[in-house]
Structures are given as structure tokens and as C-alpha cells.
Amino acid sequence: VQLVESGGGLVQPGGSLRLSCAASGSIIVINTMGWYRQAPGKQRELVAAVTSGGSTNYADSVKGRFTISRDNAKNTVYLQMNNLKPEDTAVYYCNAEIFSDMTWRGYWGQGTQVTVSS
């Protein structure tokens, strides 16, 4: 099983980016999928998560600006980021709870850099 992220980059303050994360491999079922971020010198933090049923959860700092969604048919989760701020600069990681090889475990993507700067 692997998670592959895409969509990071450099954007000016107030701009938008859309991150994607596709899970592949011997997947039986995926439960919660989410996005975390880690800025230099800081701990990794939850940005947003979505359950298999579509319930969502957001960090207070991104509420009203970021939207998480998923396509269960494609085993893919998205993060639409609008009105980006310099403090959103971080490496963004995808995470998914996956049932594979008769066990549940959490998987991480390789990370994608998001830089918000003028």
C-alpha cells in the first residue's frame, strides 16, 4: 500500500492550491483519510480529516478556508486550500487508515511542500 500526494507548490498570500492523495495497493477498505502538516521547528499537526461516511473535522486555523473531500471509488482524498496565508507554509502529509493484509494500520504519504510567500 502506498499514498502518493501531488499539488503542492509556491503561491502568493490569498491564493489557492489543491492537494491530492491517491492510495494504491492491496486495499480492502479505507476508514479515515486526512491531511497533516509540519512547519520547520514545529510538531506535525492535523489539518483536516474525513471519515468513510463523509464526516469532516478541521483545525481551527483553517476552518472556512480549507475543504477536505474524498472520492471513495478512486481511493483519493483532496484538500482545497483557499485564502492561503504565510503561516500555512509547511510540508503537507496525507494519512489514511487502511485495512490490508488482514490488519488495520495507518499509512503516510511522502509529503508535499506548500509555500505561501510574496
C-alpha atoms as a PDB file:
ATOM      1  CA  VAL A   1       0.000   0.000   0.000  1.00  0.00           C
ATOM      2  CA  GLN A   2       1.249   3.470  -0.786  1.00  0.00           C
ATOM      3  CA  LEU A   3      -0.060   7.013  -0.689  1.00  0.00           C
ATOM      4  CA  VAL A   4       1.068   9.434  -3.383  1.00  0.00           C
ATOM      5  CA  GLU A   5       0.492  13.144  -2.944  1.00  0.00           C
ATOM      6  CA  SER A   6       0.504  15.909  -5.523  1.00  0.00           C
ATOM      7  CA  GLY A   7      -0.438  19.560  -5.873  1.00  0.00           C
ATOM      8  CA  GLY A   8       1.966  21.443  -3.624  1.00  0.00           C
ATOM      9  CA  GLY A   9       3.933  24.483  -4.698  1.00  0.00           C
ATOM     10  CA  LEU A  10       4.594  28.176  -4.250  1.00  0.00           C
ATOM     11  CA  VAL A  11       1.633  30.552  -4.041  1.00  0.00           C
ATOM     12  CA  GLN A  12       1.142  34.172  -3.042  1.00  0.00           C
ATOM     13  CA  PRO A  13      -0.855  35.112   0.066  1.00  0.00           C
ATOM     14  CA  GLY A  14      -4.559  34.964  -0.707  1.00  0.00           C
ATOM     15  CA  GLY A  15      -4.039  32.350  -3.394  1.00  0.00           C
ATOM     16  CA  SER A  16      -5.313  28.783  -3.670  1.00  0.00           C
ATOM     17  CA  LEU A  17      -3.905  25.297  -4.075  1.00  0.00           C
ATOM     18  CA  ARG A  18      -5.489  21.861  -4.312  1.00  0.00           C
ATOM     19  CA  LEU A  19      -3.687  18.842  -2.882  1.00  0.00           C
ATOM     20  CA  SER A  20      -4.487  15.282  -3.933  1.00  0.00           C
ATOM     21  CA  CYS A  21      -3.537  11.971  -2.348  1.00  0.00           C
ATOM     22  CA  ALA A  22      -4.200   8.626  -4.009  1.00  0.00           C
ATOM     23  CA  ALA A  23      -3.950   5.314  -2.181  1.00  0.00           C
ATOM     24  CA  SER A  24      -3.000   2.204  -4.116  1.00  0.00           C
ATOM     25  CA  GLY A  25      -2.068  -1.418  -3.495  1.00  0.00           C
ATOM     26  CA  SER A  26      -3.838  -4.336  -1.816  1.00  0.00           C
ATOM     27  CA  ILE A  27      -6.542  -2.251  -0.156  1.00  0.00           C
ATOM     28  CA  ILE A  28      -9.640  -3.869   1.296  1.00  0.00           C
ATOM     29  CA  VAL A  29     -11.208  -0.787   2.855  1.00  0.00           C
ATOM     30  CA  ILE A  30     -10.176   2.729   3.889  1.00  0.00           C
ATOM     31  CA  ASN A  31     -11.541   4.375   7.008  1.00  0.00           C
ATOM     32  CA  THR A  32     -10.490   7.933   7.870  1.00  0.00           C
ATOM     33  CA  MET A  33      -8.307   9.904   5.474  1.00  0.00           C
ATOM     34  CA  GLY A  34      -6.659  13.133   6.473  1.00  0.00           C
ATOM     35  CA  TRP A  35      -4.082  15.816   5.917  1.00  0.00           C
ATOM     36  CA  TYR A  36      -1.404  16.836   8.403  1.00  0.00           C
ATOM     37  CA  ARG A  37       1.268  19.491   8.128  1.00  0.00           C
ATOM     38  CA  GLN A  38       4.631  20.172   9.675  1.00  0.00           C
ATOM     39  CA  ALA A  39       6.345  23.536   9.601  1.00  0.00           C
ATOM     40  CA  PRO A  40      10.072  23.904  10.365  1.00  0.00           C
ATOM     41  CA  GLY A  41      10.711  23.575  14.080  1.00  0.00           C
ATOM     42  CA  LYS A  42       7.135  22.599  14.844  1.00  0.00           C
ATOM     43  CA  GLN A  43       5.297  19.364  15.530  1.00  0.00           C
ATOM     44  CA  ARG A  44       3.154  17.707  12.904  1.00  0.00           C
ATOM     45  CA  GLU A  45      -0.457  18.793  13.300  1.00  0.00           C
ATOM     46  CA  LEU A  46      -3.809  17.679  11.964  1.00  0.00           C
ATOM     47  CA  VAL A  47      -5.209  19.987   9.303  1.00  0.00           C
ATOM     48  CA  ALA A  48      -8.366  18.152   8.276  1.00  0.00           C
ATOM     49  CA  ALA A  49      -9.828  14.654   8.190  1.00  0.00           C
ATOM     50  CA  VAL A  50     -12.789  12.923   6.568  1.00  0.00           C
ATOM     51  CA  THR A  51     -14.344   9.595   7.503  1.00  0.00           C
ATOM     52  CA  SER A  52     -15.567   6.993   5.046  1.00  0.00           C
ATOM     53  CA  GLY A  53     -19.078   8.288   5.703  1.00  0.00           C
ATOM     54  CA  GLY A  54     -18.143  11.852   4.849  1.00  0.00           C
ATOM     55  CA  SER A  55     -17.903  13.424   8.302  1.00  0.00           C
ATOM     56  CA  THR A  56     -15.221  16.088   8.429  1.00  0.00           C
ATOM     57  CA  ASN A  57     -13.012  17.663  11.062  1.00  0.00           C
ATOM     58  CA  TYR A  58     -10.825  20.776  10.699  1.00  0.00           C
ATOM     59  CA  ALA A  59      -8.163  22.556  12.688  1.00  0.00           C
ATOM     60  CA  ASP A  60      -9.464  25.907  13.936  1.00  0.00           C
ATOM     61  CA  SER A  61      -6.753  27.726  11.982  1.00  0.00           C
ATOM     62  CA  VAL A  62      -8.088  26.517   8.620  1.00  0.00           C
ATOM     63  CA  LYS A  63     -11.847  26.488   9.180  1.00  0.00           C
ATOM     64  CA  GLY A  64     -13.634  28.457   6.480  1.00  0.00           C
ATOM     65  CA  ARG A  65     -10.580  28.423   4.199  1.00  0.00           C
ATOM     66  CA  PHE A  66      -9.792  24.725   3.583  1.00  0.00           C
ATOM     67  CA  THR A  67     -12.134  21.995   2.391  1.00  0.00           C
ATOM     68  CA  ILE A  68     -11.389  18.272   2.562  1.00  0.00           C
ATOM     69  CA  SER A  69     -13.187  15.798   0.318  1.00  0.00           C
ATOM     70  CA  ARG A  70     -12.713  12.244  -0.912  1.00  0.00           C
ATOM     71  CA  ASP A  71     -13.589  10.031  -3.841  1.00  0.00           C
ATOM     72  CA  ASN A  72     -14.057   6.542  -2.445  1.00  0.00           C
ATOM     73  CA  ALA A  73     -14.155   4.978  -5.898  1.00  0.00           C
ATOM     74  CA  LYS A  74     -10.668   6.347  -6.586  1.00  0.00           C
ATOM     75  CA  ASN A  75      -9.289   5.905  -3.023  1.00  0.00           C
ATOM     76  CA  THR A  76      -8.341   9.569  -3.200  1.00  0.00           C
ATOM     77  CA  VAL A  77      -8.563  12.454  -0.763  1.00  0.00           C
ATOM     78  CA  TYR A  78      -8.340  16.127  -1.672  1.00  0.00           C
ATOM     79  CA  LEU A  79      -7.598  19.326   0.210  1.00  0.00           C
ATOM     80  CA  GLN A  80      -8.778  22.554  -1.365  1.00  0.00           C
ATOM     81  CA  MET A  81      -6.900  25.434   0.238  1.00  0.00           C
ATOM     82  CA  ASN A  82      -8.175  28.973  -0.322  1.00  0.00           C
ATOM     83  CA  ASN A  83      -7.087  32.336   1.042  1.00  0.00           C
ATOM     84  CA  LEU A  84      -3.695  30.914   1.902  1.00  0.00           C
ATOM     85  CA  LYS A  85      -1.562  32.689   4.492  1.00  0.00           C
ATOM     86  CA  PRO A  86       2.201  32.640   5.107  1.00  0.00           C
ATOM     87  CA  GLU A  87       1.577  30.645   8.281  1.00  0.00           C
ATOM     88  CA  ASP A  88       0.158  27.833   6.133  1.00  0.00           C
ATOM     89  CA  THR A  89       3.671  27.199   4.822  1.00  0.00           C
ATOM     90  CA  ALA A  90       4.626  23.620   5.690  1.00  0.00           C
ATOM     91  CA  VAL A  91       5.132  20.141   4.355  1.00  0.00           C
ATOM     92  CA  TYR A  92       1.697  18.572   3.992  1.00  0.00           C
ATOM     93  CA  TYR A  93       1.297  14.837   4.580  1.00  0.00           C
ATOM     94  CA  CYS A  94      -1.575  12.575   3.666  1.00  0.00           C
ATOM     95  CA  ASN A  95      -2.646   9.882   6.135  1.00  0.00           C
ATOM     96  CA  ALA A  96      -5.110   7.021   5.772  1.00  0.00           C
ATOM     97  CA  GLU A  97      -6.373   4.199   7.974  1.00  0.00           C
ATOM     98  CA  ILE A  98      -6.346   1.176   5.687  1.00  0.00           C
ATOM     99  CA  PHE A  99      -7.359  -2.454   6.078  1.00  0.00           C
ATOM    100  CA  SER A 100      -4.885  -4.531   4.116  1.00  0.00           C
ATOM    101  CA  ASP A 101      -3.293  -7.960   4.599  1.00  0.00           C
ATOM    102  CA  MET A 102      -5.844  -8.737   7.342  1.00  0.00           C
ATOM    103  CA  THR A 103      -4.850  -5.800   9.541  1.00  0.00           C
ATOM    104  CA  TRP A 104      -5.611  -2.114  10.097  1.00  0.00           C
ATOM    105  CA  ARG A 105      -2.776   0.364  10.083  1.00  0.00           C
ATOM    106  CA  GLY A 106      -2.081   3.975   9.328  1.00  0.00           C
ATOM    107  CA  TYR A 107      -0.170   4.908   6.200  1.00  0.00           C
ATOM    108  CA  TRP A 108       1.618   8.153   5.345  1.00  0.00           C
ATOM    109  CA  GLY A 109       2.433   9.822   2.090  1.00  0.00           C
ATOM    110  CA  GLN A 110       5.868  11.227   1.298  1.00  0.00           C
ATOM    111  CA  GLY A 111       4.813  14.826   1.864  1.00  0.00           C
ATOM    112  CA  THR A 112       4.392  17.792  -0.442  1.00  0.00           C
ATOM    113  CA  GLN A 113       5.755  21.279   0.180  1.00  0.00           C
ATOM    114  CA  VAL A 114       3.373  24.230   0.320  1.00  0.00           C
ATOM    115  CA  THR A 115       4.999  27.648   0.446  1.00  0.00           C
ATOM    116  CA  VAL A 116       2.944  30.829   0.804  1.00  0.00           C
ATOM    117  CA  SER A 117       5.040  33.881   0.104  1.00  0.00           C
ATOM    118  CA  SER A 118       5.009  37.094  -1.874  1.00  0.00           C
END
